[in-house]
Amino acid sequence: MHATERGKILRFLNGANMLQQRSGRISPEEAIDLLTKADTAELMARADKIRRQRHGANVYHVHSLNLNPTNLCENRCGLCAFWRESGSNEAYTLSLQQVEERLERARGWGLTDVHIVGGLNRELGLDYYVELLRITKRVLPATAVQALTAVEIQWLSDRAGKSGAEVLAMLKTAGLDALPGGGAEIFSTRVRENICPKKLPADQWLHVHHIAHDLGIPSNATMLFGHVETPEEIVDHLCRLRTLQDQTGGFQAFCPLPFHAKGTQIGVARGPGGHAIARIVALARIFLDNFPHIRVLANFLDRKLLQTLLLCGADDIGGTSIDEQIARSAGASDDCSFHDPEEMAAFIRELGFHSVLTSSLYGRHSQRQSQAQVPLLASKTARALQKAEAGQRLNAEEATWLHDTLPFYELGRIAHERRRQVIGDQRSTFIIDRNISFTNVCTVGCKFCAYHKGPGDGDAFTMSIEEIVRLVEEAAGLGATQIMLQGGLNPALSFSWYKDMLRAIKDRVPAVWLHSLSPAEVLWLAQRSHLPL
């Protein structure tokens, strides 16, 4: 990046920290520059500073049950893997009795939230949803009910011949506490025509939330990203949310949702990677200066990435989302989900944050308070940081200081700068390779290893040299330039066998690079052959 342009970006980032001063508000044009040009570490650092100024070390989470009444949907959006046709074996609609039975099972679970969203099913009218909410409040009276997206509200309004305000007032009386943020997707007309052409337009989505806020019903807002949208369309989406929030103040949290491609029909092979997700979360925290919370949903995200997002602007990780179906239909892994609030709290504390069990209304279930502050560096850490910035070699003690005390984003910034010094701005390398584990027989039996088998085990195996060579040839034919060869310490394989294997590969595929044999294997062969290393 040119120095002048980099200076401009830094001025924008510095302005983002003037949280309550409108003169420091980031403009849409500046937001596009930040999203497309700012260093990721710097973007994360500024977002984290804002997050700490607002919430200190607090991280919020809820204990929630998801209730999806039906997967029949008239819209049949290409972006959604949840909906089913009426004749499908997988189609379902819950009766009110089934709803009540499911809620009854949840008594005593200590839930903070029930989250209710589903498809647009012609068989379910306004009366069904009014009664559903009454049942929910009767069975779980102390639980916050966040139910029905703006898409569902508008659908019910149109079919009942009532205004949005009338429908929302009826639902509020029945037990509705808050609206979820679903259905926003990306506000761009171009994108919506591509991914959800039947879904209500962006202006109507915003109008429903405006009405809800006027009636005292708070809501969240979402953005589904990582499919066919542009940076300009992302910023337009954020800008329209910020404008409505200026008018009503009714949004509680912004939830950026990374697209999951499995089972969808919009021609996108995969959703965004961790780098893109971190940049979106950081930009959201910087740009949405009037939103109290940035919520990232644990059931959408790998836990390692989730930790990173708490260090770049997010202050809320959603909830346990028991029985959630929509994200799971699109490929979100069950491994991402937390099973109880204690597990979530432990996850939060591992990062040095304070766990705050709350609800979607952000009523506090925990009275833990945290002073809002940004970590200060000890003088010895500051000196080590100066050496690192200058490209000087660190000793072990200095490296430990940086690892243990430096804020995550600052460590990332220094590492990224060092990478630039070593290999330049634009260069990233990769290889096409194949790993061939030619035997799982191993007499060492390390307790951390699930791969090894004993020589007499039924599922033990050792490949022949010909089998190995054929796998190498196949990989080379697919463009592989490197082969990783590793296996167990198998007493049946002599030093001569290893030499014959390597010669056979090189004779048949001379151009391939053999990145092979661990130090343990080499040492073991030397010892068995009575040869020096």
Protein backbone atom coordinates (compact mmCIF):
# COMPACT_ATOMS: atom_id res chain seq x y z
CA MET A 1 0.00 0.00 0.00
CA HIS A 2 1.30 3.48 -0.87
CA ALA A 3 2.34 5.53 2.17
CA THR A 4 -0.13 8.35 1.42
CA GLU A 5 -3.01 5.90 1.10
CA ARG A 6 -1.93 4.11 4.28
CA GLY A 7 -1.92 7.42 6.15
CA LYS A 8 -5.43 8.15 4.93
CA ILE A 9 -6.65 4.77 6.18
CA LEU A 10 -5.05 5.34 9.59
CA ARG A 11 -6.80 8.72 9.89
CA PHE A 12 -10.13 6.99 9.22
CA LEU A 13 -9.33 4.38 11.88
CA ASN A 14 -8.36 7.02 14.41
CA GLY A 15 -11.63 8.82 13.73
CA ALA A 16 -13.53 5.63 14.52
CA ASN A 17 -12.43 5.85 18.14
CA MET A 18 -14.30 9.12 18.68
CA LEU A 19 -17.33 7.09 19.60
CA GLN A 20 -19.80 9.76 20.61
CA GLN A 21 -18.56 12.56 18.36
CA ARG A 22 -20.41 12.78 15.09
CA SER A 23 -17.40 14.60 13.61
CA GLY A 24 -15.50 11.33 13.98
CA ARG A 25 -18.20 9.14 12.42
CA ILE A 26 -16.93 6.96 9.58
CA SER A 27 -18.55 7.80 6.24
CA PRO A 28 -19.70 5.10 3.79
CA GLU A 29 -16.84 6.00 1.43
CA GLU A 30 -14.31 5.66 4.25
CA ALA A 31 -15.89 2.35 5.30
CA ILE A 32 -15.37 0.96 1.79
CA ASP A 33 -11.71 1.98 1.97
CA LEU A 34 -11.35 0.33 5.37
CA LEU A 35 -12.96 -2.89 4.15
CA THR A 36 -10.89 -3.12 0.98
CA LYS A 37 -7.55 -1.54 1.93
CA ALA A 38 -6.91 -1.35 5.69
CA ASP A 39 -4.47 -3.77 7.30
CA THR A 40 -6.40 -6.51 9.05
CA ALA A 41 -4.40 -6.21 12.28
CA GLU A 42 -4.99 -2.45 12.45
CA LEU A 43 -8.69 -2.86 11.67
CA MET A 44 -8.99 -5.48 14.41
CA ALA A 45 -7.06 -3.35 16.90
CA ARG A 46 -9.33 -0.32 16.47
CA ALA A 47 -12.47 -2.45 16.65
CA ASP A 48 -11.19 -4.16 19.80
CA LYS A 49 -10.45 -0.80 21.41
CA ILE A 50 -14.01 0.39 20.74
CA ARG A 51 -15.39 -2.89 22.06
CA ARG A 52 -13.39 -2.57 25.28
CA GLN A 53 -14.41 1.06 25.74
CA ARG A 54 -18.06 -0.01 25.54
CA HIS A 55 -18.05 -3.34 27.36
CA GLY A 56 -14.72 -3.74 29.13
CA ALA A 57 -13.98 -7.44 29.53
CA ASN A 58 -17.63 -8.51 29.41
CA VAL A 59 -18.74 -11.09 26.85
CA TYR A 60 -22.46 -11.79 26.65
CA HIS A 61 -24.24 -15.05 25.90
CA VAL A 62 -27.68 -16.60 26.25
CA HIS A 63 -29.12 -20.03 27.00
CA SER A 64 -31.60 -20.49 24.20
CA LEU A 65 -34.02 -22.98 22.70
CA ASN A 66 -34.69 -22.70 18.97
CA LEU A 67 -38.18 -23.50 17.79
CA ASN A 68 -38.68 -23.75 14.02
CA PRO A 69 -42.44 -24.40 13.61
CA THR A 70 -42.29 -25.37 9.93
CA ASN A 71 -39.87 -25.80 7.05
CA LEU A 72 -42.54 -25.34 4.37
CA CYS A 73 -41.91 -22.00 2.72
CA GLU A 74 -43.49 -20.15 -0.18
CA ASN A 75 -40.37 -18.08 -0.88
CA ARG A 76 -38.04 -21.02 -1.65
CA CYS A 77 -34.96 -18.77 -1.54
CA GLY A 78 -31.88 -20.11 -3.31
CA LEU A 79 -29.69 -19.05 -0.39
CA CYS A 80 -31.60 -21.25 2.08
CA ALA A 81 -31.08 -24.98 2.64
CA PHE A 82 -33.85 -25.24 5.26
CA TRP A 83 -37.07 -25.02 3.23
CA ARG A 84 -38.87 -28.02 1.77
CA GLU A 85 -41.70 -28.53 -0.75
CA SER A 86 -45.05 -29.69 0.63
CA GLY A 87 -44.65 -33.18 -0.87
CA SER A 88 -41.17 -33.77 0.55
CA ASN A 89 -40.59 -36.57 3.05
CA GLU A 90 -38.57 -34.06 5.07
CA ALA A 91 -41.31 -31.41 5.22
CA TYR A 92 -42.91 -30.80 8.61
CA THR A 93 -45.24 -28.47 10.49
CA LEU A 94 -45.52 -28.56 14.28
CA SER A 95 -49.00 -28.60 15.77
CA LEU A 96 -49.61 -26.34 18.76
CA GLN A 97 -49.73 -29.46 20.90
CA GLN A 98 -46.30 -30.51 19.63
CA VAL A 99 -45.00 -27.01 20.34
CA GLU A 100 -46.32 -27.18 23.91
CA GLU A 101 -44.79 -30.62 24.46
CA ARG A 102 -41.41 -29.40 23.26
CA LEU A 103 -41.57 -26.36 25.53
CA GLU A 104 -42.68 -28.48 28.49
CA ARG A 105 -39.55 -30.61 28.07
CA ALA A 106 -37.51 -27.43 28.46
CA ARG A 107 -38.93 -26.54 31.88
CA GLY A 108 -36.17 -26.43 34.44
CA TRP A 109 -33.41 -25.93 31.88
CA GLY A 110 -32.82 -22.35 33.01
CA LEU A 111 -33.40 -20.93 29.54
CA THR A 112 -32.99 -17.21 29.01
CA ASP A 113 -34.43 -17.20 25.47
CA VAL A 114 -36.76 -18.95 23.08
CA HIS A 115 -35.98 -18.13 19.46
CA ILE A 116 -38.88 -18.82 17.05
CA VAL A 117 -38.51 -18.56 13.26
CA GLY A 118 -39.67 -20.72 10.38
CA GLY A 119 -40.91 -20.84 6.81
CA LEU A 120 -43.87 -19.05 5.19
CA ASN A 121 -46.49 -21.79 5.37
CA ARG A 122 -49.94 -21.10 3.92
CA GLU A 123 -51.48 -23.47 6.44
CA LEU A 124 -50.37 -21.31 9.37
CA GLY A 125 -52.21 -18.04 9.92
CA LEU A 126 -51.91 -15.22 12.41
CA ASP A 127 -54.07 -17.09 14.97
CA TYR A 128 -51.55 -19.96 15.03
CA TYR A 129 -48.67 -17.64 15.90
CA VAL A 130 -50.66 -15.68 18.47
CA GLU A 131 -51.52 -18.93 20.24
CA LEU A 132 -47.95 -20.22 19.87
CA LEU A 133 -46.66 -17.14 21.70
CA ARG A 134 -49.30 -17.48 24.42
CA ILE A 135 -48.29 -21.10 24.98
CA THR A 136 -44.61 -20.14 25.11
CA LYS A 137 -45.20 -17.48 27.74
CA ARG A 138 -47.46 -19.76 29.76
CA VAL A 139 -44.96 -22.62 29.83
CA LEU A 140 -41.81 -20.49 30.15
CA PRO A 141 -42.99 -17.20 31.67
CA ALA A 142 -39.53 -15.94 32.70
CA THR A 143 -37.96 -16.58 29.29
CA ALA A 144 -37.45 -13.85 26.69
CA VAL A 145 -39.36 -14.68 23.49
CA GLN A 146 -37.58 -13.49 20.35
CA ALA A 147 -39.80 -14.53 17.50
CA LEU A 148 -40.69 -14.05 13.82
CA THR A 149 -38.50 -12.25 11.34
CA ALA A 150 -39.66 -9.16 9.49
CA VAL A 151 -40.31 -11.46 6.52
CA GLU A 152 -42.76 -13.51 8.60
CA ILE A 153 -44.39 -10.40 10.10
CA GLN A 154 -45.03 -8.91 6.66
CA TRP A 155 -46.36 -12.26 5.38
CA LEU A 156 -48.80 -12.54 8.28
CA SER A 157 -49.82 -8.92 7.82
CA ASP A 158 -50.55 -9.36 4.11
CA ARG A 159 -52.51 -12.60 4.61
CA ALA A 160 -54.54 -11.29 7.56
CA GLY A 161 -55.34 -8.01 5.86
CA LYS A 162 -53.95 -6.08 8.82
CA SER A 163 -51.27 -3.44 9.12
CA GLY A 164 -47.84 -4.35 10.39
CA ALA A 165 -48.50 -2.30 13.52
CA GLU A 166 -51.73 -4.23 14.22
CA VAL A 167 -50.01 -7.59 13.78
CA LEU A 168 -47.06 -6.64 15.97
CA ALA A 169 -49.37 -5.27 18.68
CA MET A 170 -51.32 -8.55 18.72
CA LEU A 171 -48.12 -10.58 18.91
CA LYS A 172 -46.71 -8.34 21.65
CA THR A 173 -49.86 -8.84 23.72
CA ALA A 174 -49.56 -12.60 23.21
CA GLY A 175 -45.97 -12.67 24.51
CA LEU A 176 -43.55 -11.36 21.88
CA ASP A 177 -40.58 -9.64 23.55
CA ALA A 178 -38.24 -8.95 20.64
CA LEU A 179 -37.79 -9.49 16.91
CA PRO A 180 -34.84 -11.49 15.55
CA GLY A 181 -32.82 -9.95 12.76
CA GLY A 182 -33.26 -12.62 10.09
CA GLY A 183 -34.32 -11.96 6.52
CA ALA A 184 -32.15 -8.89 6.03
CA GLU A 185 -29.59 -10.83 3.93
CA ILE A 186 -28.04 -8.00 1.86
CA PHE A 187 -30.24 -4.97 1.19
CA SER A 188 -29.00 -4.49 -2.38
CA THR A 189 -31.79 -5.07 -4.91
CA ARG A 190 -29.30 -6.70 -7.28
CA VAL A 191 -28.27 -9.24 -4.66
CA ARG A 192 -31.80 -9.93 -3.45
CA GLU A 193 -32.97 -10.64 -7.01
CA ASN A 194 -30.17 -13.18 -7.25
CA ILE A 195 -30.40 -14.98 -3.90
CA CYS A 196 -33.96 -14.37 -2.61
CA PRO A 197 -36.16 -12.83 -5.33
CA LYS A 198 -39.47 -13.54 -3.53
CA LYS A 199 -38.37 -12.16 -0.17
CA LEU A 200 -39.71 -8.77 0.90
CA PRO A 201 -37.65 -5.79 -0.32
CA ALA A 202 -35.13 -4.12 1.93
CA ASP A 203 -37.32 -1.04 2.51
CA GLN A 204 -40.12 -3.23 3.84
CA TRP A 205 -37.73 -5.13 6.12
CA LEU A 206 -36.53 -1.83 7.56
CA HIS A 207 -40.13 -0.57 7.84
CA VAL A 208 -41.22 -3.58 9.90
CA HIS A 209 -38.36 -2.99 12.34
CA HIS A 210 -39.18 0.73 12.47
CA ILE A 211 -42.76 -0.12 13.47
CA ALA A 212 -41.56 -2.64 16.05
CA HIS A 213 -39.27 -0.05 17.63
CA ASP A 214 -42.10 2.48 17.73
CA LEU A 215 -44.18 -0.10 19.63
CA GLY A 216 -41.39 -0.67 22.14
CA ILE A 217 -40.33 -4.01 20.66
CA PRO A 218 -36.52 -4.17 20.38
CA SER A 219 -34.86 -6.15 17.62
CA ASN A 220 -31.61 -7.37 16.16
CA ALA A 221 -30.31 -6.89 12.64
CA THR A 222 -28.38 -9.36 10.50
CA MET A 223 -26.30 -9.37 7.35
CA LEU A 224 -25.64 -12.55 5.37
CA PHE A 225 -22.31 -12.10 3.60
CA GLY A 226 -19.75 -14.06 1.63
CA HIS A 227 -21.80 -15.01 -1.45
CA VAL A 228 -22.38 -12.63 -4.40
CA GLU A 229 -22.26 -9.21 -2.72
CA THR A 230 -19.64 -6.47 -3.27
CA PRO A 231 -17.86 -4.37 -0.62
CA GLU A 232 -20.01 -1.41 -1.68
CA GLU A 233 -23.17 -3.44 -1.08
CA ILE A 234 -21.93 -4.51 2.35
CA VAL A 235 -21.34 -0.92 3.36
CA ASP A 236 -24.70 0.18 1.93
CA HIS A 237 -26.35 -2.46 4.12
CA LEU A 238 -24.55 -1.22 7.23
CA CYS A 239 -25.31 2.38 6.36
CA ARG A 240 -29.06 1.77 6.09
CA LEU A 241 -29.06 0.00 9.44
CA ARG A 242 -27.14 2.84 11.06
CA THR A 243 -29.57 5.38 9.64
CA LEU A 244 -32.60 3.55 11.05
CA GLN A 245 -30.88 3.16 14.40
CA ASP A 246 -30.28 6.93 14.49
CA GLN A 247 -34.04 7.37 14.11
CA THR A 248 -35.34 4.72 16.53
CA GLY A 249 -32.55 3.39 18.76
CA GLY A 250 -34.39 0.06 18.81
CA PHE A 251 -31.69 -2.32 17.56
CA GLN A 252 -29.97 -4.26 20.33
CA ALA A 253 -27.33 -6.11 18.33
CA PHE A 254 -25.94 -6.50 14.83
CA CYS A 255 -25.29 -10.11 13.81
CA PRO A 256 -22.99 -10.65 10.80
CA LEU A 257 -23.77 -14.12 9.40
CA PRO A 258 -21.19 -15.86 7.18
CA PHE A 259 -22.85 -17.70 4.30
CA HIS A 260 -22.91 -21.51 4.46
CA ALA A 261 -23.12 -22.97 0.97
CA LYS A 262 -24.14 -26.58 1.56
CA GLY A 263 -27.58 -27.35 0.15
CA THR A 264 -28.12 -23.88 -1.29
CA GLN A 265 -28.88 -23.08 -4.93
CA ILE A 266 -27.14 -19.81 -5.80
CA GLY A 267 -24.04 -21.24 -7.44
CA VAL A 268 -21.55 -20.34 -4.70
CA ALA A 269 -19.26 -23.22 -3.78
CA ARG A 270 -18.20 -22.06 -0.32
CA GLY A 271 -18.72 -19.26 2.15
CA PRO A 272 -16.18 -16.71 3.41
CA GLY A 273 -12.96 -17.65 5.17
CA GLY A 274 -11.84 -16.54 8.61
CA HIS A 275 -9.91 -13.55 7.32
CA ALA A 276 -12.96 -12.09 5.55
CA ILE A 277 -15.19 -12.79 8.54
CA ALA A 278 -12.80 -11.02 10.94
CA ARG A 279 -12.67 -7.95 8.68
CA ILE A 280 -16.47 -7.74 8.45
CA VAL A 281 -16.88 -8.05 12.22
CA ALA A 282 -14.24 -5.39 12.84
CA LEU A 283 -15.75 -3.00 10.31
CA ALA A 284 -19.21 -3.50 11.80
CA ARG A 285 -17.98 -2.52 15.26
CA ILE A 286 -16.26 0.58 13.87
CA PHE A 287 -19.04 1.70 11.53
CA LEU A 288 -22.14 0.87 13.60
CA ASP A 289 -21.30 3.34 16.34
CA ASN A 290 -24.93 3.47 17.52
CA PHE A 291 -25.42 -0.30 17.94
CA PRO A 292 -24.85 -1.47 21.53
CA HIS A 293 -23.69 -4.98 20.63
CA ILE A 294 -21.99 -6.97 17.89
CA ARG A 295 -23.20 -10.55 18.18
CA VAL A 296 -21.48 -13.46 16.40
CA LEU A 297 -23.37 -16.73 16.53
CA ALA A 298 -21.41 -19.63 18.00
CA ASN A 299 -23.41 -22.24 16.09
CA PHE A 300 -22.23 -20.71 12.78
CA LEU A 301 -18.52 -20.61 13.59
CA ASP A 302 -15.48 -22.74 14.37
CA ARG A 303 -14.44 -22.16 17.97
CA LYS A 304 -10.91 -21.03 17.08
CA LEU A 305 -12.35 -18.38 14.78
CA LEU A 306 -14.91 -17.45 17.44
CA GLN A 307 -12.07 -16.66 19.84
CA THR A 308 -10.48 -14.39 17.25
CA LEU A 309 -13.74 -12.52 16.65
CA LEU A 310 -13.96 -11.64 20.35
CA LEU A 311 -10.67 -9.82 19.82
CA CYS A 312 -11.83 -7.77 16.85
CA GLY A 313 -15.06 -6.14 17.93
CA ALA A 314 -17.58 -8.83 18.89
CA ASP A 315 -18.88 -8.75 22.47
CA ASP A 316 -21.64 -11.39 22.26
CA ILE A 317 -21.37 -15.03 21.09
CA GLY A 318 -25.07 -15.84 20.89
CA GLY A 319 -26.39 -18.87 22.68
CA THR A 320 -26.68 -22.58 23.11
CA SER A 321 -29.31 -22.61 20.31
CA ILE A 322 -30.75 -25.97 21.35
CA ASP A 323 -32.55 -27.71 18.43
CA GLU A 324 -31.39 -25.10 15.88
CA GLN A 325 -32.13 -26.36 12.34
CA ILE A 326 -31.60 -23.56 9.80
CA ALA A 327 -27.83 -23.08 10.04
CA ARG A 328 -27.37 -26.83 10.44
CA SER A 329 -29.26 -27.44 7.17
CA ALA A 330 -26.70 -25.27 5.37
CA GLY A 331 -23.71 -27.16 6.75
CA ALA A 332 -22.96 -25.54 10.12
CA SER A 333 -21.24 -28.23 12.19
CA ASP A 334 -22.73 -29.63 15.37
CA ASP A 335 -19.20 -29.39 16.76
CA CYS A 336 -19.60 -25.60 16.82
CA SER A 337 -22.52 -25.68 19.24
CA PHE A 338 -22.29 -25.26 23.01
CA HIS A 339 -24.43 -27.62 25.06
CA ASP A 340 -24.97 -25.52 28.16
CA PRO A 341 -24.23 -22.01 29.46
CA GLU A 342 -21.49 -23.27 31.77
CA GLU A 343 -19.56 -24.54 28.76
CA MET A 344 -19.96 -21.15 27.09
CA ALA A 345 -18.83 -19.36 30.24
CA ALA A 346 -15.70 -21.52 30.49
CA PHE A 347 -14.91 -20.82 26.84
CA ILE A 348 -15.19 -17.07 27.47
CA ARG A 349 -13.06 -17.17 30.61
CA GLU A 350 -10.28 -19.02 28.75
CA LEU A 351 -9.66 -15.77 26.84
CA GLY A 352 -9.53 -13.70 30.02
CA PHE A 353 -13.00 -12.19 29.54
CA HIS A 354 -15.90 -12.02 32.00
CA SER A 355 -18.87 -14.21 31.15
CA VAL A 356 -22.25 -12.44 31.33
CA LEU A 357 -25.30 -14.67 30.97
CA THR A 358 -28.05 -12.42 29.64
CA SER A 359 -31.04 -12.58 27.30
CA SER A 360 -31.85 -11.07 23.91
CA LEU A 361 -33.27 -8.16 25.90
CA TYR A 362 -29.84 -7.83 27.56
CA GLY A 363 -31.31 -8.06 31.03
CA ARG A 364 -28.41 -9.15 33.21
CA HIS A 365 -28.52 -12.58 34.80
CA SER A 366 -25.04 -11.93 36.18
CA GLN A 367 -24.01 -8.88 38.20
CA ARG A 368 -20.33 -9.12 37.33
CA GLN A 369 -18.99 -5.73 36.35
CA SER A 370 -15.88 -5.00 34.36
CA GLN A 371 -13.97 -1.78 34.05
CA ALA A 372 -13.65 -0.60 30.46
CA GLN A 373 -9.99 -0.41 29.68
CA VAL A 374 -7.40 -1.22 27.08
CA PRO A 375 -4.39 -3.21 28.34
CA LEU A 376 -1.23 -1.25 29.15
CA LEU A 377 2.16 -2.71 28.34
CA ALA A 378 4.85 -3.30 30.94
CA SER A 379 8.14 -1.59 30.17
CA LYS A 380 9.97 -4.87 29.47
CA THR A 381 7.25 -5.88 27.01
CA ALA A 382 7.40 -2.44 25.37
CA ARG A 383 11.16 -2.85 24.89
CA ALA A 384 10.69 -6.28 23.35
CA LEU A 385 8.01 -4.82 21.10
CA GLN A 386 10.41 -2.12 19.90
CA LYS A 387 12.98 -4.77 19.01
CA ALA A 388 10.40 -6.79 17.13
CA GLU A 389 9.23 -3.72 15.21
CA ALA A 390 12.81 -3.01 14.22
CA GLY A 391 13.25 -6.55 12.91
CA GLN A 392 15.81 -7.45 15.59
CA ARG A 393 16.15 -10.99 16.95
CA LEU A 394 14.38 -11.65 20.24
CA ASN A 395 15.69 -13.88 22.99
CA ALA A 396 13.47 -16.51 24.60
CA GLU A 397 12.54 -14.29 27.54
CA GLU A 398 11.48 -11.41 25.29
CA ALA A 399 9.44 -13.72 23.09
CA THR A 400 7.68 -15.03 26.20
CA TRP A 401 6.86 -11.49 27.32
CA LEU A 402 5.27 -10.73 23.98
CA HIS A 403 3.34 -13.99 23.92
CA ASP A 404 2.01 -13.61 27.45
CA THR A 405 1.28 -9.88 27.67
CA LEU A 406 0.89 -8.34 24.22
CA PRO A 407 -2.71 -7.84 23.00
CA PHE A 408 -3.61 -10.33 20.30
CA TYR A 409 -4.12 -7.75 17.58
CA GLU A 410 -0.78 -6.05 18.36
CA LEU A 411 1.05 -9.37 18.11
CA GLY A 412 -0.69 -9.94 14.78
CA ARG A 413 0.28 -6.50 13.54
CA ILE A 414 3.98 -7.01 14.33
CA ALA A 415 3.98 -10.50 12.80
CA HIS A 416 2.31 -9.19 9.64
CA GLU A 417 4.84 -6.37 9.33
CA ARG A 418 7.70 -8.86 9.71
CA ARG A 419 6.14 -11.03 7.01
CA ARG A 420 6.11 -8.01 4.72
CA GLN A 421 9.78 -7.37 5.39
CA VAL A 422 10.71 -10.97 4.62
CA ILE A 423 8.60 -11.85 1.59
CA GLY A 424 6.83 -8.66 0.50
CA ASP A 425 3.25 -7.49 0.35
CA GLN A 426 1.74 -9.52 -2.46
CA ARG A 427 3.34 -12.95 -2.25
CA SER A 428 1.75 -15.99 -0.64
CA THR A 429 2.91 -19.53 -1.42
CA PHE A 430 1.23 -22.91 -1.44
CA ILE A 431 1.92 -26.45 -2.64
CA ILE A 432 -0.13 -29.26 -4.09
CA ASP A 433 0.88 -32.39 -2.25
CA ARG A 434 -0.30 -35.76 -1.07
CA ASN A 435 0.19 -37.38 2.30
CA ILE A 436 0.82 -41.12 2.15
CA SER A 437 0.81 -42.92 5.48
CA PHE A 438 2.12 -46.26 4.29
CA THR A 439 1.77 -48.20 7.55
CA ASN A 440 -0.12 -47.77 10.80
CA VAL A 441 1.86 -50.48 12.59
CA CYS A 442 3.90 -48.87 15.34
CA THR A 443 5.58 -50.39 18.38
CA VAL A 444 6.00 -47.09 20.25
CA GLY A 445 2.29 -46.75 21.11
CA CYS A 446 2.20 -43.05 22.01
CA LYS A 447 -0.89 -42.27 24.10
CA PHE A 448 -1.67 -39.07 22.17
CA CYS A 449 -1.85 -40.96 18.84
CA ALA A 450 -5.07 -42.57 17.59
CA TYR A 451 -3.47 -43.81 14.37
CA HIS A 452 -1.13 -46.56 15.54
CA LYS A 453 -1.98 -50.27 15.64
CA GLY A 454 -0.12 -53.30 16.95
CA PRO A 455 1.44 -55.79 14.48
CA GLY A 456 -1.31 -58.34 15.12
CA ASP A 457 -4.32 -56.02 15.12
CA GLY A 458 -7.05 -56.75 12.60
CA ASP A 459 -7.06 -53.24 11.14
CA ALA A 460 -3.27 -52.95 10.91
CA PHE A 461 -1.92 -52.40 7.39
CA THR A 462 1.28 -51.90 5.43
CA MET A 463 1.22 -50.80 1.79
CA SER A 464 3.41 -52.48 -0.80
CA ILE A 465 5.99 -50.38 -2.61
CA GLU A 466 3.97 -50.72 -5.82
CA GLU A 467 0.85 -49.36 -4.10
CA ILE A 468 2.82 -46.39 -2.82
CA VAL A 469 4.31 -45.63 -6.25
CA ARG A 470 0.88 -45.78 -7.89
CA LEU A 471 -0.45 -43.23 -5.37
CA VAL A 472 2.51 -40.95 -6.12
CA GLU A 473 1.92 -41.25 -9.88
CA GLU A 474 -1.75 -40.48 -9.41
CA ALA A 475 -0.96 -37.40 -7.34
CA ALA A 476 1.62 -36.16 -9.86
CA GLY A 477 -0.96 -36.55 -12.60
CA LEU A 478 -3.24 -34.23 -10.63
CA GLY A 479 -0.52 -31.59 -10.37
CA ALA A 480 1.13 -32.50 -7.08
CA THR A 481 4.72 -31.34 -6.71
CA GLN A 482 5.43 -32.81 -3.28
CA ILE A 483 4.78 -36.08 -1.46
CA MET A 484 4.71 -36.45 2.31
CA LEU A 485 5.63 -40.01 3.37
CA GLN A 486 5.22 -40.97 7.00
CA GLY A 487 4.20 -44.04 8.92
CA GLY A 488 4.53 -45.95 12.14
CA LEU A 489 7.72 -47.56 13.42
CA ASN A 490 7.02 -50.96 11.93
CA PRO A 491 9.56 -53.68 12.85
CA ALA A 492 8.69 -55.58 9.65
CA LEU A 493 10.11 -52.79 7.47
CA SER A 494 13.90 -52.78 7.11
CA PHE A 495 16.23 -49.97 6.12
CA SER A 496 16.57 -51.65 2.72
CA TRP A 497 12.78 -51.51 2.27
CA TYR A 498 12.80 -47.75 2.79
CA LYS A 499 15.66 -47.30 0.30
CA ASP A 500 13.86 -49.47 -2.27
CA MET A 501 10.66 -47.45 -1.79
CA LEU A 502 12.38 -44.09 -2.30
CA ARG A 503 14.32 -45.34 -5.35
CA ALA A 504 11.15 -46.75 -6.93
CA ILE A 505 9.36 -43.43 -6.52
CA LYS A 506 12.24 -41.43 -7.98
CA ASP A 507 12.67 -43.86 -10.88
CA ARG A 508 9.00 -43.55 -11.89
CA VAL A 509 8.30 -39.93 -10.88
CA PRO A 510 11.66 -38.16 -10.84
CA ALA A 511 10.28 -34.59 -10.67
CA VAL A 512 8.34 -35.04 -7.44
CA TRP A 513 9.80 -33.62 -4.23
CA LEU A 514 9.84 -36.13 -1.37
CA HIS A 515 9.22 -34.40 1.93
CA SER A 516 9.39 -37.59 3.90
CA LEU A 517 10.07 -39.38 7.18
CA SER A 518 9.89 -37.76 10.58
CA PRO A 519 12.97 -37.41 12.81
CA ALA A 520 11.61 -40.29 14.91
CA GLU A 521 11.54 -42.55 11.83
CA VAL A 522 15.05 -41.54 10.73
CA LEU A 523 16.49 -42.09 14.23
CA TRP A 524 14.70 -45.43 14.53
CA LEU A 525 16.12 -46.62 11.18
CA ALA A 526 19.62 -45.52 12.15
CA GLN A 527 19.44 -47.37 15.46
CA ARG A 528 18.06 -50.57 13.91
CA SER A 529 20.68 -50.48 11.15
CA HIS A 530 23.55 -49.61 13.53
CA LEU A 531 24.40 -46.64 11.33
CA PRO A 532 25.29 -43.09 12.36
CA LEU A 533 22.68 -40.44 11.55
